[in-house]
Amino acid sequence: MVIGMQSEVAVVTDAYCVAVDEYYIFPDVARRVADLVRRRRADLEPQVDSDELANFLTRTAYEASSDHHREVRLWPVSAEVVSTGSDEFAAARTRRAHRLNYGVAKIERLAGNVGLLALTNFFPAHLAGDVLTSAMQVLNGTEALIVDLRRNQGGSPETVVLLISYLLDADQEPVHINDFYFRHDETTQQSWTLPHVPGRRFGSSKPVYVLTSSNTFSAAEAFAYDLQAMKRAAVVGERSRGGAHPGDRIRLDDHLAAFVPSGRAINPITGTNWQGIGVIPDRVTSAPDALTAAHASALNRLLATPRLDPELAAEAADTLRLLSTTTNTTTSAAAPER
C-alpha cells in the first residue's frame, strides 16, 4: 500500500510515537525515539509505501535506542492492538509452530552417548510442551546434553522455564530464574522452575552445554543466560544478539503494527540482563565450530568419569581423537558443577 500524503505519514508516525512514549520500558529513551522519528519523517518521499515506512520507523527507532526488539512490520488484519493474545496472532503462531515441528529441529545421539537437541524457537508450552517432553525422554539416557540455539530467535518465557526444569532434580526446590518488570503497569512477573514436569528429568548431575551464535535472540538468550548464571550449563559459541526486552504488538493503521518493548528481564542472581550486550560464552568459538567444541568438551569430561563402561570409554576416546584431527578441540570447557 502507498501512503501518499504527508498528513497520512504524520498520522502513522504520531501513532508510533504515542505507543513508544506510553509503553517503552525506558521513558527517556522513548522520548529520544519519538523526537528523532518526528524530525526525520519530513525527509520521506511524498509517495512512500507501507513497507518503506515500516523500515524507516524500525531503523530510526534502533538508531535512537539500540534495541533489537523494536520492529515495525506489515500486518494483515485491522485491529487497534495485535497482541500476542489475539485470535489472529494465536492462529498464525499455531500454524507456524506446526510447520516448524514446534521448534524441535533435531534430536540426536552423538558418539560417546552425548545428546543433541537443536531448537529453532521456544513456542508456547501449550503448543510445544508435549514435543519437548518427548524430546527430553529420548535424551534422558545420554551422558551429557548439548542444546543448540544457534538459529533460535526466541519465543515464550514459559517454555524456557519448562526446559530448564528438566535440567534440575525432581526433589529440588523450585529455583527463581528470572523476573520481568513492565513499565506500563509497574508489575513484576517472577519465573520459577516447575515442581513437577511430565516424564523423567535429565537431572542436575550430568553436564549441559548451550550453543549460541550472533543470531541467538530473546528467549533463547534467556535460556542460555539463566543456566549460565545458575552454573548449570556452559555456553559455547558466539556472543548472542542482545535482546532482553519483552513487549507487545500495537496497531498503527490498517497495514502496520509495531512491536514495542514494554518490559525488561532481571536475573535474580546477576541483578541485570543481557540487553545490548548479549550472552557472553564460557568458551568463545565461531558458530560453525561450536558443536564440535562442545562435543569434545563433553567427551573429555566423560573420559574423566571413574569406572566408566569400557565400551563407552573406547567410543568416546576414538571420537575425541577424530575430532582433534579436524580442529583444535582438546582444551575442555567443561560444564560447571552444580
C-alpha atoms as a PDB file:
ATOM      1  CA  MET A   1       0.000   0.000   0.000  1.00  0.00           C
ATOM      2  CA  VAL A   2       1.227   3.512  -0.899  1.00  0.00           C
ATOM      3  CA  ILE A   3       0.829   6.227   1.717  1.00  0.00           C
ATOM      4  CA  GLY A   4       0.502   9.265  -0.493  1.00  0.00           C
ATOM      5  CA  MET A   5       0.196  12.278   1.766  1.00  0.00           C
ATOM      6  CA  GLN A   6       2.455  13.787   4.379  1.00  0.00           C
ATOM      7  CA  SER A   7      -0.597  14.072   6.626  1.00  0.00           C
ATOM      8  CA  GLU A   8      -1.064  10.278   6.450  1.00  0.00           C
ATOM      9  CA  VAL A   9       2.591   9.731   7.209  1.00  0.00           C
ATOM     10  CA  ALA A  10       2.215  12.062  10.176  1.00  0.00           C
ATOM     11  CA  VAL A  11      -0.774  10.084  11.479  1.00  0.00           C
ATOM     12  CA  VAL A  12       1.131   6.787  11.366  1.00  0.00           C
ATOM     13  CA  THR A  13       4.352   8.163  12.811  1.00  0.00           C
ATOM     14  CA  ASP A  14       2.444  10.018  15.538  1.00  0.00           C
ATOM     15  CA  ALA A  15       0.657   6.771  16.439  1.00  0.00           C
ATOM     16  CA  TYR A  16       4.025   5.084  16.718  1.00  0.00           C
ATOM     17  CA  CYS A  17       5.460   7.876  18.865  1.00  0.00           C
ATOM     18  CA  VAL A  18       2.454   7.754  21.195  1.00  0.00           C
ATOM     19  CA  ALA A  19       2.787   3.965  21.566  1.00  0.00           C
ATOM     20  CA  VAL A  20       6.503   4.227  22.282  1.00  0.00           C
ATOM     21  CA  ASP A  21       6.003   7.060  24.761  1.00  0.00           C
ATOM     22  CA  GLU A  22       3.322   5.117  26.634  1.00  0.00           C
ATOM     23  CA  TYR A  23       4.794   1.627  26.665  1.00  0.00           C
ATOM     24  CA  TYR A  24       8.552   1.573  26.049  1.00  0.00           C
ATOM     25  CA  ILE A  25      10.416   0.350  29.090  1.00  0.00           C
ATOM     26  CA  PHE A  26      12.669   3.423  29.479  1.00  0.00           C
ATOM     27  CA  PRO A  27      10.785   6.778  29.310  1.00  0.00           C
ATOM     28  CA  ASP A  28      13.881   8.847  28.474  1.00  0.00           C
ATOM     29  CA  VAL A  29      14.753   6.575  25.561  1.00  0.00           C
ATOM     30  CA  ALA A  30      11.116   6.657  24.436  1.00  0.00           C
ATOM     31  CA  ARG A  31      11.254  10.445  24.193  1.00  0.00           C
ATOM     32  CA  ARG A  32      14.516  10.253  22.261  1.00  0.00           C
ATOM     33  CA  VAL A  33      12.981   7.816  19.762  1.00  0.00           C
ATOM     34  CA  ALA A  34       9.846   9.923  19.294  1.00  0.00           C
ATOM     35  CA  ASP A  35      11.859  13.117  18.784  1.00  0.00           C
ATOM     36  CA  LEU A  36      14.076  11.506  16.147  1.00  0.00           C
ATOM     37  CA  VAL A  37      11.119   9.983  14.279  1.00  0.00           C
ATOM     38  CA  ARG A  38       9.304  13.335  14.140  1.00  0.00           C
ATOM     39  CA  ARG A  39      12.424  15.178  12.963  1.00  0.00           C
ATOM     40  CA  ARG A  40      13.221  12.748  10.191  1.00  0.00           C
ATOM     41  CA  ARG A  41       9.778  11.970   8.810  1.00  0.00           C
ATOM     42  CA  ALA A  42       9.886  15.159   6.715  1.00  0.00           C
ATOM     43  CA  ASP A  43      12.704  13.537   4.720  1.00  0.00           C
ATOM     44  CA  LEU A  44      10.463  10.729   3.486  1.00  0.00           C
ATOM     45  CA  GLU A  45       9.411  10.746  -0.174  1.00  0.00           C
ATOM     46  CA  PRO A  46       5.930  12.163  -0.923  1.00  0.00           C
ATOM     47  CA  GLN A  47       4.875   8.710  -2.135  1.00  0.00           C
ATOM     48  CA  VAL A  48       6.008   6.148   0.438  1.00  0.00           C
ATOM     49  CA  ASP A  49       4.625   2.627   0.699  1.00  0.00           C
ATOM     50  CA  SER A  50       3.881   0.849   3.972  1.00  0.00           C
ATOM     51  CA  ASP A  51       6.947  -1.352   3.713  1.00  0.00           C
ATOM     52  CA  GLU A  52       9.249   1.642   3.325  1.00  0.00           C
ATOM     53  CA  LEU A  53       7.566   3.417   6.228  1.00  0.00           C
ATOM     54  CA  ALA A  54       7.938   0.304   8.405  1.00  0.00           C
ATOM     55  CA  ASN A  55      11.643   0.141   7.576  1.00  0.00           C
ATOM     56  CA  PHE A  56      12.047   3.851   8.325  1.00  0.00           C
ATOM     57  CA  LEU A  57      10.440   3.510  11.761  1.00  0.00           C
ATOM     58  CA  THR A  58      12.375   0.363  12.638  1.00  0.00           C
ATOM     59  CA  ARG A  59      15.692   1.829  11.510  1.00  0.00           C
ATOM     60  CA  THR A  60      15.154   5.189  13.208  1.00  0.00           C
ATOM     61  CA  ALA A  61      13.991   3.637  16.471  1.00  0.00           C
ATOM     62  CA  TYR A  62      17.007   1.340  16.598  1.00  0.00           C
ATOM     63  CA  GLU A  63      19.360   4.247  15.955  1.00  0.00           C
ATOM     64  CA  ALA A  64      17.905   6.083  18.941  1.00  0.00           C
ATOM     65  CA  SER A  65      17.648   3.096  21.278  1.00  0.00           C
ATOM     66  CA  SER A  66      19.937   0.239  20.085  1.00  0.00           C
ATOM     67  CA  ASP A  67      17.052  -2.100  20.961  1.00  0.00           C
ATOM     68  CA  HIS A  68      16.780  -5.072  18.578  1.00  0.00           C
ATOM     69  CA  HIS A  69      13.280  -5.822  19.852  1.00  0.00           C
ATOM     70  CA  ARG A  70      11.901  -2.709  18.174  1.00  0.00           C
ATOM     71  CA  GLU A  71      10.238  -3.613  14.895  1.00  0.00           C
ATOM     72  CA  VAL A  72       7.524  -2.180  12.669  1.00  0.00           C
ATOM     73  CA  ARG A  73       6.059  -4.549  10.104  1.00  0.00           C
ATOM     74  CA  LEU A  74       3.141  -5.131   7.789  1.00  0.00           C
ATOM     75  CA  TRP A  75       0.262  -6.957   9.442  1.00  0.00           C
ATOM     76  CA  PRO A  76      -2.741  -8.450   7.599  1.00  0.00           C
ATOM     77  CA  VAL A  77      -5.598  -7.573   9.928  1.00  0.00           C
ATOM     78  CA  SER A  78      -7.249  -4.361  11.092  1.00  0.00           C
ATOM     79  CA  ALA A  79      -7.342  -4.002  14.848  1.00  0.00           C
ATOM     80  CA  GLU A  80      -6.237  -1.471  17.400  1.00  0.00           C
ATOM     81  CA  VAL A  81      -3.972  -3.933  19.151  1.00  0.00           C
ATOM     82  CA  VAL A  82      -2.431  -7.011  17.577  1.00  0.00           C
ATOM     83  CA  SER A  83      -1.436  -8.594  20.860  1.00  0.00           C
ATOM     84  CA  THR A  84       0.119 -11.977  21.430  1.00  0.00           C
ATOM     85  CA  GLY A  85      -3.207 -12.974  22.973  1.00  0.00           C
ATOM     86  CA  SER A  86      -5.368 -12.064  19.969  1.00  0.00           C
ATOM     87  CA  ASP A  87      -7.139 -14.782  17.978  1.00  0.00           C
ATOM     88  CA  GLU A  88      -5.452 -13.742  14.739  1.00  0.00           C
ATOM     89  CA  PHE A  89      -1.970 -13.872  16.200  1.00  0.00           C
ATOM     90  CA  ALA A  90      -2.660 -17.152  18.011  1.00  0.00           C
ATOM     91  CA  ALA A  91      -3.881 -18.823  14.818  1.00  0.00           C
ATOM     92  CA  ALA A  92      -0.844 -17.659  12.845  1.00  0.00           C
ATOM     93  CA  ARG A  93       1.503 -18.807  15.605  1.00  0.00           C
ATOM     94  CA  THR A  94      -0.141 -22.240  15.775  1.00  0.00           C
ATOM     95  CA  ARG A  95       0.281 -22.715  12.025  1.00  0.00           C
ATOM     96  CA  ARG A  96       3.917 -21.655  12.207  1.00  0.00           C
ATOM     97  CA  ALA A  97       4.601 -23.911  15.199  1.00  0.00           C
ATOM     98  CA  HIS A  98       3.208 -26.916  13.327  1.00  0.00           C
ATOM     99  CA  ARG A  99       5.225 -26.074  10.214  1.00  0.00           C
ATOM    100  CA  LEU A 100       8.448 -25.852  12.268  1.00  0.00           C
ATOM    101  CA  ASN A 101       7.801 -29.032  14.291  1.00  0.00           C
ATOM    102  CA  TYR A 102       7.153 -26.900  17.377  1.00  0.00           C
ATOM    103  CA  GLY A 103      10.720 -25.620  17.330  1.00  0.00           C
ATOM    104  CA  VAL A 104      12.446 -29.010  17.513  1.00  0.00           C
ATOM    105  CA  ALA A 105      14.822 -29.192  14.544  1.00  0.00           C
ATOM    106  CA  LYS A 106      16.909 -32.191  15.613  1.00  0.00           C
ATOM    107  CA  ILE A 107      17.208 -34.834  18.327  1.00  0.00           C
ATOM    108  CA  GLU A 108      20.333 -36.956  18.054  1.00  0.00           C
ATOM    109  CA  ARG A 109      22.624 -39.257  19.992  1.00  0.00           C
ATOM    110  CA  LEU A 110      26.169 -38.161  19.193  1.00  0.00           C
ATOM    111  CA  ALA A 111      29.129 -40.513  19.548  1.00  0.00           C
ATOM    112  CA  GLY A 112      30.036 -41.087  23.173  1.00  0.00           C
ATOM    113  CA  ASN A 113      26.365 -41.051  24.178  1.00  0.00           C
ATOM    114  CA  VAL A 114      26.137 -37.264  24.113  1.00  0.00           C
ATOM    115  CA  GLY A 115      22.642 -35.916  23.443  1.00  0.00           C
ATOM    116  CA  LEU A 116      21.885 -33.117  20.990  1.00  0.00           C
ATOM    117  CA  LEU A 117      18.695 -31.047  20.998  1.00  0.00           C
ATOM    118  CA  ALA A 118      18.516 -28.342  18.315  1.00  0.00           C
ATOM    119  CA  LEU A 119      15.744 -25.775  18.786  1.00  0.00           C
ATOM    120  CA  THR A 120      14.780 -23.016  16.357  1.00  0.00           C
ATOM    121  CA  ASN A 121      12.045 -21.473  18.535  1.00  0.00           C
ATOM    122  CA  PHE A 122      10.586 -21.551  22.018  1.00  0.00           C
ATOM    123  CA  PHE A 123       6.932 -21.832  21.080  1.00  0.00           C
ATOM    124  CA  PRO A 124       4.416 -21.538  23.951  1.00  0.00           C
ATOM    125  CA  ALA A 125       4.257 -24.574  26.203  1.00  0.00           C
ATOM    126  CA  HIS A 126       0.625 -25.309  25.341  1.00  0.00           C
ATOM    127  CA  LEU A 127       1.789 -25.856  21.752  1.00  0.00           C
ATOM    128  CA  ALA A 128       5.312 -27.250  22.147  1.00  0.00           C
ATOM    129  CA  GLY A 129       5.213 -28.818  25.615  1.00  0.00           C
ATOM    130  CA  ASP A 130       4.373 -32.361  24.516  1.00  0.00           C
ATOM    131  CA  VAL A 131       7.042 -32.325  21.804  1.00  0.00           C
ATOM    132  CA  LEU A 132       9.719 -31.023  24.173  1.00  0.00           C
ATOM    133  CA  THR A 133       8.711 -33.550  26.809  1.00  0.00           C
ATOM    134  CA  SER A 134       9.086 -36.344  24.269  1.00  0.00           C
ATOM    135  CA  ALA A 135      12.476 -34.982  23.219  1.00  0.00           C
ATOM    136  CA  MET A 136      13.700 -34.918  26.817  1.00  0.00           C
ATOM    137  CA  GLN A 137      12.572 -38.523  27.318  1.00  0.00           C
ATOM    138  CA  VAL A 138      14.522 -39.627  24.239  1.00  0.00           C
ATOM    139  CA  LEU A 139      17.635 -37.841  25.523  1.00  0.00           C
ATOM    140  CA  ASN A 140      17.253 -38.911  29.141  1.00  0.00           C
ATOM    141  CA  GLY A 141      19.761 -41.758  28.902  1.00  0.00           C
ATOM    142  CA  THR A 142      22.594 -39.701  27.432  1.00  0.00           C
ATOM    143  CA  GLU A 143      25.666 -38.810  29.486  1.00  0.00           C
ATOM    144  CA  ALA A 144      25.652 -35.101  28.559  1.00  0.00           C
ATOM    145  CA  LEU A 145      23.353 -32.746  26.693  1.00  0.00           C
ATOM    146  CA  ILE A 146      24.065 -30.113  24.047  1.00  0.00           C
ATOM    147  CA  VAL A 147      21.229 -27.652  23.403  1.00  0.00           C
ATOM    148  CA  ASP A 148      21.791 -25.953  20.064  1.00  0.00           C
ATOM    149  CA  LEU A 149      20.288 -22.447  19.966  1.00  0.00           C
ATOM    150  CA  ARG A 150      22.443 -21.034  17.176  1.00  0.00           C
ATOM    151  CA  ARG A 151      19.392 -20.455  14.939  1.00  0.00           C
ATOM    152  CA  ASN A 152      16.901 -19.790  17.723  1.00  0.00           C
ATOM    153  CA  GLN A 153      15.177 -16.375  17.597  1.00  0.00           C
ATOM    154  CA  GLY A 154      13.335 -16.711  20.898  1.00  0.00           C
ATOM    155  CA  GLY A 155       9.728 -17.167  21.906  1.00  0.00           C
ATOM    156  CA  SER A 156       7.935 -17.916  25.147  1.00  0.00           C
ATOM    157  CA  PRO A 157       9.491 -17.479  28.615  1.00  0.00           C
ATOM    158  CA  GLU A 158       7.217 -20.221  29.971  1.00  0.00           C
ATOM    159  CA  THR A 159       8.821 -22.731  27.605  1.00  0.00           C
ATOM    160  CA  VAL A 160      12.249 -21.626  28.793  1.00  0.00           C
ATOM    161  CA  VAL A 161      11.085 -22.411  32.332  1.00  0.00           C
ATOM    162  CA  LEU A 162       9.789 -25.835  31.251  1.00  0.00           C
ATOM    163  CA  LEU A 163      13.038 -26.867  29.595  1.00  0.00           C
ATOM    164  CA  ILE A 164      15.236 -25.590  32.434  1.00  0.00           C
ATOM    165  CA  SER A 165      13.061 -27.543  34.870  1.00  0.00           C
ATOM    166  CA  TYR A 166      14.029 -30.781  33.106  1.00  0.00           C
ATOM    167  CA  LEU A 167      17.683 -29.982  33.811  1.00  0.00           C
ATOM    168  CA  LEU A 168      17.181 -29.996  37.594  1.00  0.00           C
ATOM    169  CA  ASP A 169      16.313 -32.797  40.021  1.00  0.00           C
ATOM    170  CA  ALA A 170      12.774 -33.841  40.945  1.00  0.00           C
ATOM    171  CA  ASP A 171      13.423 -33.424  44.669  1.00  0.00           C
ATOM    172  CA  GLN A 172      14.944 -29.971  44.248  1.00  0.00           C
ATOM    173  CA  GLU A 173      13.083 -26.909  45.500  1.00  0.00           C
ATOM    174  CA  PRO A 174      11.822 -24.592  42.697  1.00  0.00           C
ATOM    175  CA  VAL A 175      14.532 -22.171  41.596  1.00  0.00           C
ATOM    176  CA  HIS A 176      13.923 -18.483  40.949  1.00  0.00           C
ATOM    177  CA  ILE A 177      15.404 -17.981  37.465  1.00  0.00           C
ATOM    178  CA  ASN A 178      14.105 -14.639  36.174  1.00  0.00           C
ATOM    179  CA  ASP A 179      11.882 -11.599  36.663  1.00  0.00           C
ATOM    180  CA  PHE A 180      10.141  -9.412  34.093  1.00  0.00           C
ATOM    181  CA  TYR A 181       9.397  -5.817  35.057  1.00  0.00           C
ATOM    182  CA  PHE A 182       6.779  -3.993  32.966  1.00  0.00           C
ATOM    183  CA  ARG A 183       6.752  -0.210  32.958  1.00  0.00           C
ATOM    184  CA  HIS A 184       3.188   0.468  31.756  1.00  0.00           C
ATOM    185  CA  ASP A 185       1.521  -1.146  34.786  1.00  0.00           C
ATOM    186  CA  GLU A 186       4.573  -1.266  37.093  1.00  0.00           C
ATOM    187  CA  THR A 187       4.281  -5.005  37.696  1.00  0.00           C
ATOM    188  CA  THR A 188       6.934  -7.676  38.102  1.00  0.00           C
ATOM    189  CA  GLN A 189       6.368 -11.250  36.929  1.00  0.00           C
ATOM    190  CA  GLN A 190       8.578 -13.892  38.515  1.00  0.00           C
ATOM    191  CA  SER A 191       9.726 -17.072  36.780  1.00  0.00           C
ATOM    192  CA  TRP A 192      10.436 -20.176  38.871  1.00  0.00           C
ATOM    193  CA  THR A 193      11.279 -23.696  37.804  1.00  0.00           C
ATOM    194  CA  LEU A 194       8.429 -26.187  37.944  1.00  0.00           C
ATOM    195  CA  PRO A 195       7.982 -28.574  40.881  1.00  0.00           C
ATOM    196  CA  HIS A 196       6.520 -31.194  38.535  1.00  0.00           C
ATOM    197  CA  VAL A 197       7.130 -31.973  34.857  1.00  0.00           C
ATOM    198  CA  PRO A 198       5.806 -34.821  32.692  1.00  0.00           C
ATOM    199  CA  GLY A 199       8.105 -37.834  32.398  1.00  0.00           C
ATOM    200  CA  ARG A 200      11.675 -38.213  33.616  1.00  0.00           C
ATOM    201  CA  ARG A 201      14.031 -35.302  34.206  1.00  0.00           C
ATOM    202  CA  PHE A 202      17.536 -35.102  32.793  1.00  0.00           C
ATOM    203  CA  GLY A 203      18.587 -34.020  36.275  1.00  0.00           C
ATOM    204  CA  SER A 204      21.319 -31.782  37.634  1.00  0.00           C
ATOM    205  CA  SER A 205      24.334 -34.113  37.729  1.00  0.00           C
ATOM    206  CA  LYS A 206      25.067 -34.509  34.007  1.00  0.00           C
ATOM    207  CA  PRO A 207      26.795 -31.716  32.049  1.00  0.00           C
ATOM    208  CA  VAL A 208      24.853 -29.383  29.787  1.00  0.00           C
ATOM    209  CA  TYR A 209      26.207 -27.169  27.000  1.00  0.00           C
ATOM    210  CA  VAL A 210      24.296 -24.393  25.228  1.00  0.00           C
ATOM    211  CA  LEU A 211      25.392 -23.339  21.747  1.00  0.00           C
ATOM    212  CA  THR A 212      24.924 -19.701  20.742  1.00  0.00           C
ATOM    213  CA  SER A 213      25.594 -17.510  17.720  1.00  0.00           C
ATOM    214  CA  SER A 214      25.212 -13.840  16.875  1.00  0.00           C
ATOM    215  CA  ASN A 215      21.655 -14.733  15.765  1.00  0.00           C
ATOM    216  CA  THR A 216      20.593 -16.272  19.086  1.00  0.00           C
ATOM    217  CA  PHE A 217      17.969 -13.884  20.440  1.00  0.00           C
ATOM    218  CA  SER A 218      15.423 -13.046  23.124  1.00  0.00           C
ATOM    219  CA  ALA A 219      14.029 -16.121  24.959  1.00  0.00           C
ATOM    220  CA  ALA A 220      16.872 -18.249  23.574  1.00  0.00           C
ATOM    221  CA  GLU A 221      19.285 -15.835  25.234  1.00  0.00           C
ATOM    222  CA  ALA A 222      17.286 -16.065  28.453  1.00  0.00           C
ATOM    223  CA  PHE A 223      17.725 -19.852  28.440  1.00  0.00           C
ATOM    224  CA  ALA A 224      21.496 -19.560  27.975  1.00  0.00           C
ATOM    225  CA  TYR A 225      21.914 -16.627  30.369  1.00  0.00           C
ATOM    226  CA  ASP A 226      19.849 -18.131  33.199  1.00  0.00           C
ATOM    227  CA  LEU A 227      21.565 -21.536  33.031  1.00  0.00           C
ATOM    228  CA  GLN A 228      24.945 -19.834  32.922  1.00  0.00           C
ATOM    229  CA  ALA A 229      24.075 -17.696  35.959  1.00  0.00           C
ATOM    230  CA  MET A 230      22.895 -20.835  37.803  1.00  0.00           C
ATOM    231  CA  LYS A 231      26.205 -22.531  36.878  1.00  0.00           C
ATOM    232  CA  ARG A 232      24.132 -25.326  35.401  1.00  0.00           C
ATOM    233  CA  ALA A 233      25.486 -25.079  31.836  1.00  0.00           C
ATOM    234  CA  ALA A 234      28.455 -23.895  29.842  1.00  0.00           C
ATOM    235  CA  VAL A 235      27.716 -21.577  26.919  1.00  0.00           C
ATOM    236  CA  VAL A 236      29.793 -22.294  23.804  1.00  0.00           C
ATOM    237  CA  GLY A 237      29.936 -20.291  20.584  1.00  0.00           C
ATOM    238  CA  GLU A 238      29.485 -16.636  19.737  1.00  0.00           C
ATOM    239  CA  ARG A 239      28.174 -13.721  21.776  1.00  0.00           C
ATOM    240  CA  SER A 240      24.411 -13.598  21.259  1.00  0.00           C
ATOM    241  CA  ARG A 241      22.418 -10.737  19.757  1.00  0.00           C
ATOM    242  CA  GLY A 242      21.408  -8.963  22.974  1.00  0.00           C
ATOM    243  CA  GLY A 243      17.616  -8.622  23.312  1.00  0.00           C
ATOM    244  CA  ALA A 244      16.158  -8.811  26.841  1.00  0.00           C
ATOM    245  CA  HIS A 245      13.047  -6.617  26.491  1.00  0.00           C
ATOM    246  CA  PRO A 246       9.667  -8.368  26.102  1.00  0.00           C
ATOM    247  CA  GLY A 247       6.720  -6.414  24.739  1.00  0.00           C
ATOM    248  CA  ASP A 248       3.634  -6.456  22.548  1.00  0.00           C
ATOM    249  CA  ARG A 249       2.383  -5.586  19.069  1.00  0.00           C
ATOM    250  CA  ILE A 250       0.413  -2.364  18.725  1.00  0.00           C
ATOM    251  CA  ARG A 251      -1.626  -1.419  15.666  1.00  0.00           C
ATOM    252  CA  LEU A 252      -0.590   1.811  13.918  1.00  0.00           C
ATOM    253  CA  ASP A 253      -3.008   1.710  10.954  1.00  0.00           C
ATOM    254  CA  ASP A 254      -4.760  -0.872   8.775  1.00  0.00           C
ATOM    255  CA  HIS A 255      -1.449  -2.217   7.481  1.00  0.00           C
ATOM    256  CA  LEU A 256       1.243  -1.583  10.072  1.00  0.00           C
ATOM    257  CA  ALA A 257       1.845  -2.837  13.595  1.00  0.00           C
ATOM    258  CA  ALA A 258       4.782  -2.085  15.868  1.00  0.00           C
ATOM    259  CA  PHE A 259       6.412  -4.305  18.437  1.00  0.00           C
ATOM    260  CA  VAL A 260       7.076  -2.073  21.430  1.00  0.00           C
ATOM    261  CA  PRO A 261       9.305  -3.449  24.218  1.00  0.00           C
ATOM    262  CA  SER A 262       7.452  -2.688  27.433  1.00  0.00           C
ATOM    263  CA  GLY A 263       9.413  -4.759  29.949  1.00  0.00           C
ATOM    264  CA  ARG A 264      12.888  -5.898  30.869  1.00  0.00           C
ATOM    265  CA  ALA A 265      14.348  -9.103  32.234  1.00  0.00           C
ATOM    266  CA  ILE A 266      16.081  -9.062  35.620  1.00  0.00           C
ATOM    267  CA  ASN A 267      18.059 -12.125  36.606  1.00  0.00           C
ATOM    268  CA  PRO A 268      17.884 -12.694  40.394  1.00  0.00           C
ATOM    269  CA  ILE A 269      21.499 -13.872  40.539  1.00  0.00           C
ATOM    270  CA  THR A 270      23.208 -11.187  38.450  1.00  0.00           C
ATOM    271  CA  GLY A 271      20.675  -8.401  39.099  1.00  0.00           C
ATOM    272  CA  THR A 272      20.780  -7.454  35.421  1.00  0.00           C
ATOM    273  CA  ASN A 273      20.356  -8.984  31.939  1.00  0.00           C
ATOM    274  CA  TRP A 274      21.937  -9.362  28.509  1.00  0.00           C
ATOM    275  CA  GLN A 275      20.297  -6.355  26.799  1.00  0.00           C
ATOM    276  CA  GLY A 276      22.608  -4.742  24.250  1.00  0.00           C
ATOM    277  CA  ILE A 277      25.496  -6.945  25.400  1.00  0.00           C
ATOM    278  CA  GLY A 278      24.439 -10.458  24.552  1.00  0.00           C
ATOM    279  CA  VAL A 279      25.217 -13.643  26.421  1.00  0.00           C
ATOM    280  CA  ILE A 280      28.999 -13.957  26.683  1.00  0.00           C
ATOM    281  CA  PRO A 281      30.070 -17.573  26.110  1.00  0.00           C
ATOM    282  CA  ASP A 282      32.172 -19.500  28.602  1.00  0.00           C
ATOM    283  CA  ARG A 283      34.091 -20.719  25.590  1.00  0.00           C
ATOM    284  CA  VAL A 284      34.231 -18.483  22.523  1.00  0.00           C
ATOM    285  CA  THR A 285      34.265 -20.196  19.133  1.00  0.00           C
ATOM    286  CA  SER A 286      32.804 -19.421  15.738  1.00  0.00           C
ATOM    287  CA  ALA A 287      29.199 -20.543  15.386  1.00  0.00           C
ATOM    288  CA  PRO A 288      30.104 -23.362  12.937  1.00  0.00           C
ATOM    289  CA  ASP A 289      32.741 -24.719  15.371  1.00  0.00           C
ATOM    290  CA  ALA A 290      30.577 -24.566  18.498  1.00  0.00           C
ATOM    291  CA  LEU A 291      29.050 -28.045  18.204  1.00  0.00           C
ATOM    292  CA  THR A 292      32.408 -29.739  17.745  1.00  0.00           C
ATOM    293  CA  ALA A 293      33.890 -27.786  20.666  1.00  0.00           C
ATOM    294  CA  ALA A 294      31.009 -28.674  22.994  1.00  0.00           C
ATOM    295  CA  HIS A 295      31.043 -32.316  21.888  1.00  0.00           C
ATOM    296  CA  ALA A 296      34.774 -32.566  22.588  1.00  0.00           C
ATOM    297  CA  SER A 297      34.318 -30.933  25.997  1.00  0.00           C
ATOM    298  CA  ALA A 298      31.579 -33.412  26.874  1.00  0.00           C
ATOM    299  CA  LEU A 299      33.789 -36.335  25.812  1.00  0.00           C
ATOM    300  CA  ASN A 300      36.760 -35.036  27.830  1.00  0.00           C
ATOM    301  CA  ARG A 301      34.589 -34.827  30.900  1.00  0.00           C
ATOM    302  CA  LEU A 302      33.075 -38.248  30.240  1.00  0.00           C
ATOM    303  CA  LEU A 303      36.517 -39.849  29.966  1.00  0.00           C
ATOM    304  CA  ALA A 304      37.384 -38.403  33.392  1.00  0.00           C
ATOM    305  CA  THR A 305      34.486 -40.316  34.950  1.00  0.00           C
ATOM    306  CA  PRO A 306      35.599 -43.077  37.361  1.00  0.00           C
ATOM    307  CA  ARG A 307      34.681 -46.655  36.437  1.00  0.00           C
ATOM    308  CA  LEU A 308      33.374 -45.671  33.007  1.00  0.00           C
ATOM    309  CA  ASP A 309      31.959 -48.512  30.920  1.00  0.00           C
ATOM    310  CA  PRO A 310      34.878 -49.751  28.763  1.00  0.00           C
ATOM    311  CA  GLU A 311      32.911 -49.807  25.506  1.00  0.00           C
ATOM    312  CA  LEU A 312      31.628 -46.285  26.089  1.00  0.00           C
ATOM    313  CA  ALA A 313      35.122 -45.135  27.031  1.00  0.00           C
ATOM    314  CA  ALA A 314      36.532 -46.589  23.804  1.00  0.00           C
ATOM    315  CA  GLU A 315      33.803 -44.904  21.736  1.00  0.00           C
ATOM    316  CA  ALA A 316      34.409 -41.559  23.444  1.00  0.00           C
ATOM    317  CA  ALA A 317      38.201 -41.790  23.050  1.00  0.00           C
ATOM    318  CA  ASP A 318      38.001 -42.744  19.363  1.00  0.00           C
ATOM    319  CA  THR A 319      35.573 -39.896  18.690  1.00  0.00           C
ATOM    320  CA  LEU A 320      37.723 -37.376  20.566  1.00  0.00           C
ATOM    321  CA  ARG A 321      40.767 -38.380  18.512  1.00  0.00           C
ATOM    322  CA  LEU A 322      38.751 -37.945  15.332  1.00  0.00           C
ATOM    323  CA  LEU A 323      37.534 -34.522  16.406  1.00  0.00           C
ATOM    324  CA  SER A 324      41.069 -33.490  17.350  1.00  0.00           C
ATOM    325  CA  THR A 325      42.338 -34.228  13.852  1.00  0.00           C
ATOM    326  CA  THR A 326      39.880 -31.792  12.282  1.00  0.00           C
ATOM    327  CA  THR A 327      40.002 -28.883  14.729  1.00  0.00           C
ATOM    328  CA  ASN A 328      41.712 -27.760  17.913  1.00  0.00           C
ATOM    329  CA  THR A 329      39.129 -29.030  20.408  1.00  0.00           C
ATOM    330  CA  THR A 330      41.182 -30.795  23.029  1.00  0.00           C
ATOM    331  CA  THR A 331      41.041 -27.908  25.509  1.00  0.00           C
ATOM    332  CA  SER A 332      37.961 -28.579  27.572  1.00  0.00           C
ATOM    333  CA  ALA A 333      35.301 -26.054  28.543  1.00  0.00           C
ATOM    334  CA  ALA A 334      33.581 -28.332  30.975  1.00  0.00           C
ATOM    335  CA  ALA A 335      30.086 -27.524  32.094  1.00  0.00           C
ATOM    336  CA  PRO A 336      30.121 -26.048  35.605  1.00  0.00           C
ATOM    337  CA  GLU A 337      29.418 -28.357  38.502  1.00  0.00           C
ATOM    338  CA  ARG A 338      26.254 -27.804  40.473  1.00  0.00           C
END
